[in-house]
Every structure is written in structure tokens, then in C-alpha cells.
């Protein structure tokens, strides 16, 4: 009987202990709402869900209508993190996530604390173009007001203020991160802040943090502009955005060394002025340079073996991944320049607010040794970067009288081009049929196919892609066959010689 009683007591106290631990946990979460959100994020990944290519659940303060709106393709979050980092770039990371310090104001203090801090500069009347400031655009209207307030107070070096709109500590982290990610020119703004909040999780006071450049900001701004201008002046003189982008990419690699111990290494200042930084500094400096050149460039954060930062660049309506840090090796490369999400899927994964940036569904580099066309000599391409306007040159020898018959000349030209007559699509009808066949064969996703046309056919091919008539001639039927809804294409063409072109179709079907 005594033994039974002992067993009963053990079971009773074990159950009571579990109940008390559970209650304690509930109380902790009730008094620490930020902890609740952190646990939710751990359990649910990024806290963002997608169905049918659309986000169905988003983080606090995010405008889901903007995220799913427009003609952007949404980024599909991978099911698992990337594997091993390539040896050539191992350790070249260093991004630090925004740090939040939250202090709860208890009931006896709440009356005196709430509303005690001034609002500072509210930023009323400010607005930001979503083309260049996507993190602002992805916030709902209330959080955009807070974004403007944080931006304005940061510009005025006003550290402590009360929020102009009701905001929870979960929302404020996203808003601060949005300001921080959109504005590399605010290099004095540190990657952290503190806030005071009430028991219900509502924030009543925000305190910004500045780095050492804030103590002599005007001089620091002058230095920043001086060093940036050394790259910008050369880039601005070039003709196309693609040329400017590459110049800035190369100039930044020359100006900056990777150094994990560099001071203020999360800022653009560290890369441009001090010449030493980690991935965050590279990415924010590149973002600033392209913004100044009128090219949309976004700061993208995620995971690449460790926490990492890189960029998304928009050229002629197409989005590309660019990782200057990983290109800045010895020797430098273009291995991570203007790449699609699928091309970097094994190494890069977006996290946080960056998952809401547009997907990069196409990618092609003007300098990489390993490109989608399967050739090592990119100089053979007429238009090495497909985001640029196509430029075509005629065959300078096409009118020379060689004394050969038409058939002999044709065979000679085929030999020069290194092709057979069967490979050539002589008419638009043949071209369309071949495109239809190949597009269906390669299937959905980020793909490529190619065919050969005579130089004389190019003007017609160029016209149909200009006026859109190509769509009805093969794309519509291919989409039906593939059960797909849309299609993005960038053409790239190589001169084969003998008056023939090989046309590469870089496509994304979804």
C-alpha cells in the first residue's frame, strides 16, 4: 500500500510540475511578446507562406496586396537551406541582422512613460518611389508613416521619440529594417535600435542608434561623396545601364577588400571610404552606387552558409542577383553577377523581408566564363548582355562577287558557320514551329533553347519581338501545352559567320 502511495505521489507531483512549467511559459510569453514572435518564426520558418505563387500569410505590418500585386513574379522560398558554401568564397559573409533591444514598461510606470517622449520629426509629406525603395512599398499605410518618421529622425540625428502611429514591437522591427534596407546613404544609422513597450506589446518609445560617423557627420558625408564619385564619374559617362552596372561592380571590387574585422562593416561607408568591409558593406555600397546612376538596386539579405547579404538589380524590367562580395576573389570573377534565383539556388536563400522582393527569373552575365549559351568566348555574342538593346551588324562581305554559284556559296557559308543546312530555319514559319517544339520540350522554369537563322531573316525576327506578334505564333500554344500562365524571354545572338546567327532564347515559363 505504501509503495502504491509513493508511486501516486510521484505521478501527481510530476503532472503538477509540468502544469506549473506550462503556466510559467505562458506568463513569460505574455510579458515578452517579442519572444512569442521569435518562437513563431522558428516554428514557421520565415513566417511567410505561399500557395499557387501568391503569399497567403505575411509578417507584421506588411501590405499583402502590394506583395502580390503588379506583374512581379514572387520569390519562392526554398524548402531547405543551401548546402555547403563553395570553397573559393567560404567565409565571405558577415551580414548581421537588425538588433532589437526591447524593454517592457510595467503598469506602475506606464502612465508616466506613455506619451512622455516627443515625436521628433514626423516625416509628414515624405514619400518614396517603390521602384527604388521596395521595402517602403511593401509596408501598409500606417507603417509607412512610421517609416517616414524613422527616416526623418535619422536624418536629423534625433535619437529618441514616440511613434506617430500605434505600433507593436513586432511591427516596428519590420519598419526599422525597411528603412535600414532602403537607405544605404544613411551610413551613420546603426543596425540596431531599442524600444519601450507596454504589457500589451504596444511600443511607446523608440531610440535609434548611430555609429561613430554621427559625431562629425558633415565631414563624413563629404568623404563618402568623394570616394563614391570616383566610381560614379566613370560609370555615368557610359551609354547603357548595363555598362554602368558593370563599371560600378568592377569599381567597387577594386576599391574594397574583404575584411571581417573592418569597423562599421555593415555600412556602405566602410566599403567606399575605408576600403574594407564584409558582404553587408559591399551590398550597401553597390546599392548606393546604382541608385545614384538611376538603376534600381535592392539590398537583399539571407543565408549562404552563414547570414549573408547581396543585391537584386533591375535592368530593362528584368531582375538579377548580384553578389559583389563573392565575385571579389583573387582573381575576381563574374560567377555571381546578374544571375537568376535558380542559378543561385544551391548557395543563396533569402530570408526576412527580402523574400518579398521580386523574383529573379532570368539571368545572364556579360563577362562570365560559364554562360547559358555553352560557350567560353562571350565576345562572339553580338549582344553579350540580353538586357541591353540588341545591336545588329550586317555581313560586310555579303555583296562581294566570289565567282561561285548560289549553291556553292551557300555550302561555303555553311562550312564557315560550322553548321549543316538542316539546322537552319530559313523562314518565319520554320522558326515558329521550331520555337514551339523546343519550348514545350524544355518545359517550365528557367530554361534555354536555340536555333539558327540566316542573317536576312533577322529584321523580321526583330520586328515580331518588338511588336509582340511572336506571342500568338508560338507562345500561346506552348503555354496551353505546358499548362502554364506566363512567359518571360530575353534573346541573345551569336554570329556564326557565313551570314548566319544562332539565336539563344533565355526563357522563364511559369
Protein backbone atom coordinates (compact mmCIF):
# COMPACT_ATOMS: atom_id res chain seq x y z
CA UNK A 1 0.00 0.00 0.00
CA UNK A 2 2.84 2.40 0.88
CA UNK A 3 4.58 1.64 -2.40
CA UNK A 4 1.37 2.42 -4.29
CA UNK A 5 1.08 5.70 -2.41
CA UNK A 6 4.66 6.66 -3.29
CA UNK A 7 4.03 5.93 -6.97
CA UNK A 8 0.86 8.03 -6.82
CA UNK A 9 2.76 10.95 -5.24
CA UNK A 10 5.48 10.78 -7.90
CA UNK A 11 2.93 10.86 -10.70
CA UNK A 12 0.95 13.67 -9.00
CA UNK A 13 3.97 15.90 -8.46
CA UNK A 14 5.28 15.25 -11.98
CA UNK A 15 1.98 16.30 -13.52
CA UNK A 16 1.79 19.36 -11.25
CA UNK A 17 5.33 20.31 -12.19
CA UNK A 18 4.51 20.11 -15.88
CA UNK A 19 1.40 22.23 -15.40
CA UNK A 20 3.36 24.86 -13.44
CA UNK A 21 6.10 24.94 -16.09
CA UNK A 22 3.49 25.39 -18.78
CA UNK A 23 1.85 28.23 -16.87
CA UNK A 24 5.23 29.87 -16.35
CA UNK A 25 5.89 29.62 -20.05
CA UNK A 26 2.57 31.26 -20.84
CA UNK A 27 3.35 34.06 -18.41
CA UNK A 28 6.78 34.62 -19.93
CA UNK A 29 5.29 34.85 -23.40
CA UNK A 30 2.58 37.19 -22.17
CA UNK A 31 5.17 39.58 -20.76
CA UNK A 32 7.60 39.12 -23.68
CA UNK A 33 5.61 39.39 -26.92
CA UNK A 34 8.81 39.70 -28.93
CA UNK A 35 9.81 36.25 -27.66
CA UNK A 36 6.46 34.90 -28.78
CA UNK A 37 7.08 36.19 -32.28
CA UNK A 38 10.61 34.78 -32.33
CA UNK A 39 9.33 31.35 -31.36
CA UNK A 40 6.62 31.56 -34.02
CA UNK A 41 9.25 32.45 -36.60
CA UNK A 42 11.36 29.47 -35.58
CA UNK A 43 8.42 27.12 -35.84
CA UNK A 44 7.12 28.50 -39.12
CA UNK A 45 10.36 29.31 -40.91
CA UNK A 46 10.19 32.87 -42.18
CA UNK A 47 6.62 33.28 -41.03
CA UNK A 48 5.59 33.59 -44.68
CA UNK A 49 3.52 31.09 -46.61
CA UNK A 50 2.93 30.80 -50.34
CA UNK A 51 0.27 28.98 -52.31
CA UNK A 52 -0.06 28.99 -56.08
CA UNK A 53 2.72 31.55 -56.45
CA UNK A 54 0.98 34.03 -54.07
CA UNK A 55 1.80 34.83 -50.47
CA UNK A 56 -1.07 33.92 -48.17
CA UNK A 57 0.50 34.98 -44.89
CA UNK A 58 2.98 37.78 -44.29
CA UNK A 59 4.98 39.32 -41.47
CA UNK A 60 3.59 42.07 -39.19
CA UNK A 61 2.92 45.40 -40.91
CA UNK A 62 3.36 44.07 -44.46
CA UNK A 63 0.88 45.03 -47.19
CA UNK A 64 -0.02 41.68 -48.74
CA UNK A 65 -1.84 43.40 -51.62
CA UNK A 66 1.36 45.11 -52.73
CA UNK A 67 3.41 41.96 -52.25
CA UNK A 68 1.08 40.00 -54.54
CA UNK A 69 0.29 42.92 -56.84
CA UNK A 70 1.66 44.15 -60.16
CA UNK A 71 3.39 41.99 -62.74
CA UNK A 72 6.22 40.85 -60.47
CA UNK A 73 6.94 37.17 -60.02
CA UNK A 74 7.04 36.27 -56.32
CA UNK A 75 10.15 34.65 -54.89
CA UNK A 76 9.58 31.03 -53.96
CA UNK A 77 11.18 30.29 -50.61
CA UNK A 78 13.26 27.08 -50.84
CA UNK A 79 12.20 24.17 -48.68
CA UNK A 80 15.64 23.88 -47.12
CA UNK A 81 18.74 25.98 -46.62
CA UNK A 82 21.58 25.86 -49.17
CA UNK A 83 24.24 23.25 -48.67
CA UNK A 84 27.96 23.72 -48.48
CA UNK A 85 29.44 27.09 -49.47
CA UNK A 86 31.84 26.91 -52.47
CA UNK A 87 35.43 26.74 -51.21
CA UNK A 88 36.50 29.78 -53.25
CA UNK A 89 34.13 32.04 -51.27
CA UNK A 90 33.97 30.19 -47.96
CA UNK A 91 33.66 32.59 -45.05
CA UNK A 92 32.95 35.64 -47.25
CA UNK A 93 29.75 36.58 -45.43
CA UNK A 94 29.43 38.78 -42.33
CA UNK A 95 25.91 40.20 -42.54
CA UNK A 96 24.41 40.99 -39.14
CA UNK A 97 20.65 41.11 -38.77
CA UNK A 98 18.96 44.17 -37.29
CA UNK A 99 19.26 44.02 -33.49
CA UNK A 100 16.31 44.92 -31.28
CA UNK A 101 16.56 45.81 -27.61
CA UNK A 102 13.10 45.84 -26.03
CA UNK A 103 12.28 46.97 -22.52
CA UNK A 104 8.83 46.46 -21.04
CA UNK A 105 7.27 49.30 -19.10
CA UNK A 106 5.30 47.80 -16.21
CA UNK A 107 1.85 49.02 -15.12
CA UNK A 108 3.13 51.32 -12.39
CA UNK A 109 5.36 53.10 -14.94
CA UNK A 110 3.12 53.06 -17.99
CA UNK A 111 1.13 56.20 -17.16
CA UNK A 112 4.25 58.32 -16.87
CA UNK A 113 6.04 56.73 -19.84
CA UNK A 114 3.29 56.58 -22.44
CA UNK A 115 3.41 59.76 -24.48
CA UNK A 116 6.33 61.17 -22.50
CA UNK A 117 8.81 61.18 -25.41
CA UNK A 118 8.36 63.81 -28.16
CA UNK A 119 7.61 62.59 -31.69
CA UNK A 120 10.58 64.49 -33.12
CA UNK A 121 10.37 64.91 -36.88
CA UNK A 122 7.26 63.09 -38.10
CA UNK A 123 8.36 62.95 -41.75
CA UNK A 124 4.89 64.11 -42.79
CA UNK A 125 4.70 64.64 -46.54
CA UNK A 126 7.57 62.30 -47.35
CA UNK A 127 7.05 59.58 -49.93
CA UNK A 128 9.37 57.10 -51.61
CA UNK A 129 9.32 55.66 -55.12
CA UNK A 130 8.69 51.91 -54.96
CA UNK A 131 10.98 51.42 -57.96
CA UNK A 132 13.96 52.36 -55.77
CA UNK A 133 12.56 51.81 -52.27
CA UNK A 134 10.69 48.49 -52.34
CA UNK A 135 10.82 47.95 -48.59
CA UNK A 136 8.80 51.16 -48.11
CA UNK A 137 6.31 49.95 -50.71
CA UNK A 138 5.80 46.58 -49.04
CA UNK A 139 4.58 48.19 -45.78
CA UNK A 140 0.94 49.03 -45.08
CA UNK A 141 -0.04 52.73 -44.90
CA UNK A 142 0.28 53.08 -41.11
CA UNK A 143 3.70 51.52 -41.10
CA UNK A 144 4.74 53.78 -43.98
CA UNK A 145 4.04 56.75 -41.69
CA UNK A 146 6.34 55.26 -39.07
CA UNK A 147 8.94 54.55 -41.80
CA UNK A 148 8.90 58.24 -42.73
CA UNK A 149 9.24 59.23 -39.07
CA UNK A 150 12.23 56.93 -38.51
CA UNK A 151 13.83 58.17 -41.72
CA UNK A 152 13.30 61.84 -40.84
CA UNK A 153 14.57 61.47 -37.27
CA UNK A 154 17.55 59.50 -38.52
CA UNK A 155 18.37 62.27 -40.97
CA UNK A 156 18.08 64.83 -38.18
CA UNK A 157 20.10 62.74 -35.69
CA UNK A 158 17.09 62.68 -33.34
CA UNK A 159 17.56 59.51 -31.34
CA UNK A 160 14.56 59.11 -29.02
CA UNK A 161 10.94 59.73 -29.99
CA UNK A 162 7.41 58.39 -29.61
CA UNK A 163 5.89 56.65 -32.66
CA UNK A 164 3.32 58.70 -34.59
CA UNK A 165 1.06 55.67 -35.10
CA UNK A 166 0.15 52.73 -32.87
CA UNK A 167 2.72 50.01 -33.40
CA UNK A 168 3.67 46.72 -31.78
CA UNK A 169 7.25 45.68 -31.18
CA UNK A 170 6.85 43.04 -33.90
CA UNK A 171 5.78 45.63 -36.45
CA UNK A 172 8.45 48.13 -35.51
CA UNK A 173 11.24 45.69 -36.24
CA UNK A 174 9.99 45.27 -39.80
CA UNK A 175 9.63 49.03 -40.26
CA UNK A 176 13.11 49.76 -38.95
CA UNK A 177 14.54 47.03 -41.15
CA UNK A 178 12.70 48.52 -44.14
CA UNK A 179 14.27 51.95 -43.57
CA UNK A 180 17.68 50.43 -42.97
CA UNK A 181 17.49 48.25 -46.10
CA UNK A 182 16.25 51.03 -48.40
CA UNK A 183 18.73 53.78 -47.50
CA UNK A 184 22.44 52.94 -47.78
CA UNK A 185 23.18 56.69 -47.90
CA UNK A 186 22.29 56.85 -44.17
CA UNK A 187 25.57 55.16 -43.34
CA UNK A 188 25.56 56.62 -39.81
CA UNK A 189 22.40 54.67 -38.91
CA UNK A 190 23.43 51.58 -36.97
CA UNK A 191 21.89 48.16 -37.47
CA UNK A 192 20.01 48.26 -34.20
CA UNK A 193 17.55 50.21 -32.07
CA UNK A 194 15.78 49.98 -28.74
CA UNK A 195 12.16 50.46 -27.76
CA UNK A 196 9.96 50.57 -24.71
CA UNK A 197 6.66 48.73 -24.80
CA UNK A 198 3.62 48.15 -22.62
CA UNK A 199 2.28 44.80 -21.44
CA UNK A 200 0.02 44.53 -24.49
CA UNK A 201 3.08 44.75 -26.77
CA UNK A 202 2.44 48.31 -27.98
CA UNK A 203 5.56 50.43 -28.39
CA UNK A 204 5.65 53.85 -26.68
CA UNK A 205 9.23 54.95 -27.30
CA UNK A 206 11.87 54.30 -29.96
CA UNK A 207 15.58 55.03 -29.69
CA UNK A 208 17.80 54.93 -32.76
CA UNK A 209 21.48 54.06 -32.64
CA UNK A 210 24.18 55.83 -34.66
CA UNK A 211 27.77 54.83 -35.38
CA UNK A 212 30.86 56.98 -34.83
CA UNK A 213 30.46 58.97 -38.07
CA UNK A 214 27.48 60.78 -36.50
CA UNK A 215 29.86 62.77 -34.27
CA UNK A 216 31.17 64.66 -37.31
CA UNK A 217 28.53 63.86 -39.88
CA UNK A 218 29.10 66.65 -42.38
CA UNK A 219 32.76 65.73 -42.80
CA UNK A 220 31.83 62.05 -43.09
CA UNK A 221 29.25 62.87 -45.77
CA UNK A 222 31.86 64.79 -47.76
CA UNK A 223 34.27 61.86 -47.60
CA UNK A 224 31.50 59.48 -48.60
CA UNK A 225 30.54 61.53 -51.65
CA UNK A 226 34.19 62.00 -52.66
CA UNK A 227 35.01 58.29 -52.67
CA UNK A 228 31.72 57.34 -54.31
CA UNK A 229 32.28 59.91 -57.07
CA UNK A 230 35.49 58.17 -58.10
CA UNK A 231 33.37 55.28 -59.33
CA UNK A 232 30.26 57.21 -60.29
CA UNK A 233 32.03 59.66 -62.58
CA UNK A 234 33.38 56.88 -64.78
CA UNK A 235 30.14 54.91 -64.78
CA UNK A 236 27.96 57.94 -65.59
CA UNK A 237 29.91 58.56 -68.81
CA UNK A 238 28.86 55.18 -70.25
CA UNK A 239 25.91 54.76 -72.59
CA UNK A 240 23.73 51.96 -71.22
CA UNK A 241 22.58 50.93 -67.77
CA UNK A 242 24.17 47.51 -68.29
CA UNK A 243 27.54 49.15 -68.91
CA UNK A 244 27.11 51.40 -65.87
CA UNK A 245 26.16 48.44 -63.71
CA UNK A 246 29.26 46.51 -64.71
CA UNK A 247 31.53 49.53 -64.21
CA UNK A 248 30.18 50.02 -60.68
CA UNK A 249 30.58 46.29 -59.98
CA UNK A 250 34.21 46.31 -61.12
CA UNK A 251 35.00 49.67 -59.50
CA UNK A 252 33.69 48.53 -56.13
CA UNK A 253 35.80 45.36 -56.27
CA UNK A 254 38.90 47.46 -56.97
CA UNK A 255 38.10 49.91 -54.18
CA UNK A 256 37.26 47.36 -51.45
CA UNK A 257 38.94 44.44 -49.73
CA UNK A 258 37.06 41.82 -47.76
CA UNK A 259 37.92 42.18 -44.09
CA UNK A 260 35.80 40.62 -41.36
CA UNK A 261 37.45 42.94 -38.81
CA UNK A 262 36.68 46.16 -40.66
CA UNK A 263 35.00 48.82 -38.46
CA UNK A 264 31.38 49.78 -39.27
CA UNK A 265 31.39 46.87 -41.72
CA UNK A 266 27.61 46.81 -42.08
CA UNK A 267 27.69 50.24 -43.77
CA UNK A 268 28.39 51.50 -47.27
CA UNK A 269 30.89 53.89 -45.66
CA UNK A 270 33.19 51.02 -44.70
CA UNK A 271 33.40 49.78 -48.29
CA UNK A 272 33.65 53.09 -50.14
CA UNK A 273 35.64 55.28 -47.73
CA UNK A 274 37.62 52.84 -45.60
CA UNK A 275 38.06 50.30 -48.40
CA UNK A 276 37.44 47.34 -46.08
CA UNK A 277 34.17 45.57 -45.40
CA UNK A 278 32.11 42.39 -45.34
CA UNK A 279 29.18 41.35 -47.52
CA UNK A 280 26.79 43.87 -45.94
CA UNK A 281 29.11 46.79 -46.68
CA UNK A 282 29.72 45.63 -50.25
CA UNK A 283 25.98 45.20 -50.88
CA UNK A 284 25.00 48.55 -49.39
CA UNK A 285 27.77 50.35 -51.29
CA UNK A 286 26.70 48.72 -54.57
CA UNK A 287 23.09 49.63 -53.83
CA UNK A 288 24.07 53.26 -53.28
CA UNK A 289 26.18 53.46 -56.45
CA UNK A 290 23.45 52.06 -58.69
CA UNK A 291 20.78 54.22 -57.06
CA UNK A 292 22.88 57.27 -57.92
CA UNK A 293 23.14 56.03 -61.50
CA UNK A 294 19.35 55.72 -61.75
CA UNK A 295 19.38 51.91 -61.69
CA UNK A 296 17.04 50.20 -59.19
CA UNK A 297 19.16 48.12 -56.84
CA UNK A 298 17.96 46.44 -53.65
CA UNK A 299 19.72 45.24 -50.52
CA UNK A 300 18.91 41.54 -50.18
CA UNK A 301 19.58 39.53 -47.02
CA UNK A 302 19.53 35.81 -46.49
CA UNK A 303 21.58 32.71 -45.91
CA UNK A 304 24.61 31.42 -47.82
CA UNK A 305 26.33 29.03 -45.46
CA UNK A 306 26.03 31.84 -42.90
CA UNK A 307 23.96 35.02 -42.72
CA UNK A 308 24.73 36.91 -45.92
CA UNK A 309 23.82 39.99 -47.96
CA UNK A 310 23.87 40.64 -51.70
CA UNK A 311 21.88 42.69 -54.23
CA UNK A 312 18.97 42.48 -56.64
CA UNK A 313 19.32 44.74 -59.68
CA UNK A 314 16.60 45.72 -62.13
CA UNK A 315 17.67 46.23 -65.74
CA UNK A 316 15.11 46.83 -68.50
CA UNK A 317 12.33 45.30 -66.45
CA UNK A 318 14.28 42.15 -65.52
CA UNK A 319 15.58 41.39 -62.02
CA UNK A 320 19.02 39.86 -61.41
CA UNK A 321 21.01 38.68 -58.38
CA UNK A 322 24.45 40.23 -57.96
CA UNK A 323 26.88 39.20 -55.22
CA UNK A 324 29.87 41.56 -55.47
CA UNK A 325 31.44 40.08 -52.33
CA UNK A 326 31.67 36.62 -53.84
CA UNK A 327 32.93 38.00 -57.15
CA UNK A 328 35.73 39.91 -55.37
CA UNK A 329 38.11 36.99 -55.07
CA UNK A 330 41.68 36.63 -56.35
CA UNK A 331 41.35 36.69 -59.29
CA UNK A 332 37.99 38.44 -59.43
CA UNK A 333 35.14 36.72 -61.27
CA UNK A 334 31.63 37.24 -62.60
CA UNK A 335 30.40 33.95 -61.16
CA UNK A 336 27.70 35.69 -59.12
CA UNK A 337 26.88 38.57 -61.46
CA UNK A 338 23.38 39.03 -62.94
CA UNK A 339 22.14 35.57 -62.02
CA UNK A 340 18.67 34.10 -61.67
CA UNK A 341 17.32 32.69 -58.42
CA UNK A 342 17.54 29.19 -59.85
CA UNK A 343 21.19 29.69 -60.78
CA UNK A 344 21.99 30.59 -57.16
CA UNK A 345 19.54 28.20 -55.50
CA UNK A 346 22.32 25.93 -54.28
CA UNK A 347 24.14 28.76 -52.48
CA UNK A 348 21.76 31.65 -51.72
CA UNK A 349 18.43 31.71 -49.89
CA UNK A 350 16.53 34.88 -49.00
CA UNK A 351 15.16 35.41 -45.52
CA UNK A 352 13.30 38.15 -43.61
CA UNK A 353 11.68 40.94 -45.60
CA UNK A 354 13.85 40.12 -48.63
CA UNK A 355 11.55 37.25 -49.54
CA UNK A 356 9.05 39.90 -50.67
CA UNK A 357 11.45 41.40 -53.21
CA UNK A 358 10.66 40.38 -56.81
CA UNK A 359 11.92 37.02 -58.01
CA UNK A 360 14.88 36.92 -60.38
CA UNK A 361 13.61 34.62 -63.11
CA UNK A 362 16.29 35.29 -65.68
CA UNK A 363 20.00 35.78 -65.53
CA UNK A 364 22.85 36.34 -67.89
CA UNK A 365 26.28 37.83 -67.39
CA UNK A 366 28.23 39.77 -69.97
CA UNK A 367 31.56 38.53 -68.64
CA UNK A 368 31.17 35.15 -67.06
CA UNK A 369 33.25 32.33 -68.44
CA UNK A 370 30.43 29.93 -67.89
CA UNK A 371 27.22 31.13 -69.53
CA UNK A 372 23.93 29.67 -70.64
CA UNK A 373 24.95 29.54 -74.27
CA UNK A 374 27.55 26.92 -73.51
CA UNK A 375 30.49 28.85 -74.90
CA UNK A 376 33.63 30.18 -73.26
CA UNK A 377 34.05 33.12 -75.65
CA UNK A 378 31.42 35.70 -74.75
CA UNK A 379 32.98 38.17 -77.20
CA UNK A 380 31.43 36.16 -80.03
CA UNK A 381 27.99 37.38 -78.97
CA UNK A 382 26.56 40.37 -80.79
CA UNK A 383 24.68 41.37 -77.63
CA UNK A 384 26.53 39.79 -74.68
CA UNK A 385 24.06 41.20 -72.16
CA UNK A 386 20.49 40.38 -73.23
CA UNK A 387 19.07 43.17 -71.08
CA UNK A 388 20.67 45.72 -73.42
CA UNK A 389 19.03 46.87 -76.65
CA UNK A 390 20.00 44.50 -79.45
CA UNK A 391 22.54 45.82 -81.91
CA UNK A 392 22.93 44.05 -85.23
CA UNK A 393 25.63 44.23 -87.85
CA UNK A 394 25.37 43.17 -91.44
CA UNK A 395 27.78 40.79 -93.17
CA UNK A 396 30.46 43.08 -94.68
CA UNK A 397 31.27 40.50 -97.36
CA UNK A 398 27.72 39.73 -98.41
CA UNK A 399 27.90 41.66 -101.70
CA UNK A 400 31.36 40.60 -102.83
CA UNK A 401 31.36 38.65 -106.12
CA UNK A 402 33.31 35.46 -105.48
CA UNK A 403 32.51 33.79 -108.81
CA UNK A 404 30.73 30.92 -107.02
CA UNK A 405 27.23 29.70 -107.86
CA UNK A 406 24.49 30.38 -105.33
CA UNK A 407 24.58 26.75 -104.15
CA UNK A 408 28.38 26.71 -103.89
CA UNK A 409 28.35 29.99 -101.98
CA UNK A 410 25.69 28.61 -99.66
CA UNK A 411 27.72 25.49 -98.91
CA UNK A 412 30.80 27.61 -98.32
CA UNK A 413 28.89 29.82 -95.90
CA UNK A 414 27.56 26.77 -94.04
CA UNK A 415 31.11 25.49 -93.68
CA UNK A 416 32.27 28.87 -92.37
CA UNK A 417 29.46 28.81 -89.81
CA UNK A 418 30.19 25.19 -88.88
CA UNK A 419 26.58 24.09 -89.34
CA UNK A 420 24.52 21.91 -91.63
CA UNK A 421 21.66 23.00 -93.84
CA UNK A 422 19.20 21.06 -91.65
CA UNK A 423 19.99 23.28 -88.67
CA UNK A 424 18.89 26.49 -90.40
CA UNK A 425 15.35 27.85 -90.05
CA UNK A 426 15.02 29.64 -93.38
CA UNK A 427 11.51 31.10 -92.95
CA UNK A 428 9.46 32.55 -90.12
CA UNK A 429 7.12 29.59 -90.31
CA UNK A 430 10.02 27.21 -89.75
CA UNK A 431 11.32 29.43 -86.96
CA UNK A 432 7.97 29.50 -85.13
CA UNK A 433 7.48 25.75 -85.41
CA UNK A 434 10.95 25.10 -84.05
CA UNK A 435 10.45 27.52 -81.15
CA UNK A 436 7.13 25.87 -80.27
CA UNK A 437 8.66 22.40 -80.34
CA UNK A 438 11.69 23.36 -78.23
CA UNK A 439 9.76 25.45 -75.71
CA UNK A 440 7.46 22.52 -75.00
CA UNK A 441 10.42 20.15 -74.74
CA UNK A 442 12.40 22.24 -72.24
CA UNK A 443 9.31 22.68 -70.05
CA UNK A 444 8.56 25.10 -67.25
CA UNK A 445 11.09 27.10 -65.27
CA UNK A 446 14.32 28.91 -66.09
CA UNK A 447 15.37 27.33 -69.41
CA UNK A 448 17.08 27.98 -72.71
CA UNK A 449 16.82 26.80 -76.31
CA UNK A 450 18.48 27.93 -79.53
CA UNK A 451 18.13 27.81 -83.29
CA UNK A 452 19.95 29.12 -86.37
CA UNK A 453 18.59 31.68 -88.81
CA UNK A 454 20.06 33.38 -91.89
CA UNK A 455 21.07 36.99 -91.50
CA UNK A 456 18.39 38.00 -93.99
CA UNK A 457 15.65 36.76 -91.64
CA UNK A 458 16.78 38.78 -88.67
CA UNK A 459 14.93 42.02 -89.43
CA UNK A 460 11.65 40.08 -89.38
CA UNK A 461 12.53 38.23 -86.16
CA UNK A 462 13.50 41.51 -84.53
CA UNK A 463 10.19 43.06 -85.57
CA UNK A 464 7.97 40.29 -84.17
CA UNK A 465 9.64 40.55 -80.76
CA UNK A 466 9.27 44.32 -80.89
CA UNK A 467 5.57 44.39 -81.74
CA UNK A 468 4.67 41.23 -79.80
CA UNK A 469 3.30 39.17 -82.71
CA UNK A 470 5.61 36.29 -81.79
CA UNK A 471 3.29 35.59 -78.84
CA UNK A 472 0.37 34.35 -80.94
CA UNK A 473 2.63 32.45 -83.31
CA UNK A 474 4.07 30.02 -80.79
CA UNK A 475 3.91 31.13 -77.15
CA UNK A 476 0.14 30.82 -76.63
CA UNK A 477 0.09 27.24 -77.88
CA UNK A 478 3.15 26.32 -75.82
CA UNK A 479 1.61 27.74 -72.63
CA UNK A 480 -1.53 25.69 -73.17
CA UNK A 481 0.51 22.55 -73.74
CA UNK A 482 2.61 23.21 -70.62
CA UNK A 483 -0.41 24.29 -68.56
CA UNK A 484 1.45 27.50 -67.74
CA UNK A 485 0.21 31.05 -67.36
CA UNK A 486 3.08 33.29 -68.39
CA UNK A 487 6.41 33.53 -70.12
CA UNK A 488 9.43 35.85 -69.96
CA UNK A 489 12.07 35.91 -72.69
CA UNK A 490 15.44 37.55 -73.33
CA UNK A 491 17.17 36.92 -76.66
CA UNK A 492 20.89 36.59 -77.12
CA UNK A 493 22.51 36.14 -80.52
CA UNK A 494 25.88 34.85 -81.68
CA UNK A 495 27.35 35.49 -85.11
CA UNK A 496 28.42 32.15 -86.59
CA UNK A 497 29.93 33.56 -89.77
CA UNK A 498 28.81 32.97 -93.33
CA UNK A 499 25.77 35.19 -92.80
CA UNK A 500 24.16 33.05 -90.07
CA UNK A 501 23.13 33.81 -86.50
CA UNK A 502 22.46 31.43 -83.65
CA UNK A 503 19.57 32.79 -81.56
CA UNK A 504 19.54 31.83 -77.87
CA UNK A 505 16.18 32.12 -76.13
CA UNK A 506 16.62 32.58 -72.36
CA UNK A 507 13.12 31.90 -71.07
CA UNK A 508 11.19 31.54 -67.84
CA UNK A 509 7.82 29.80 -68.11
CA UNK A 510 5.52 29.67 -65.09
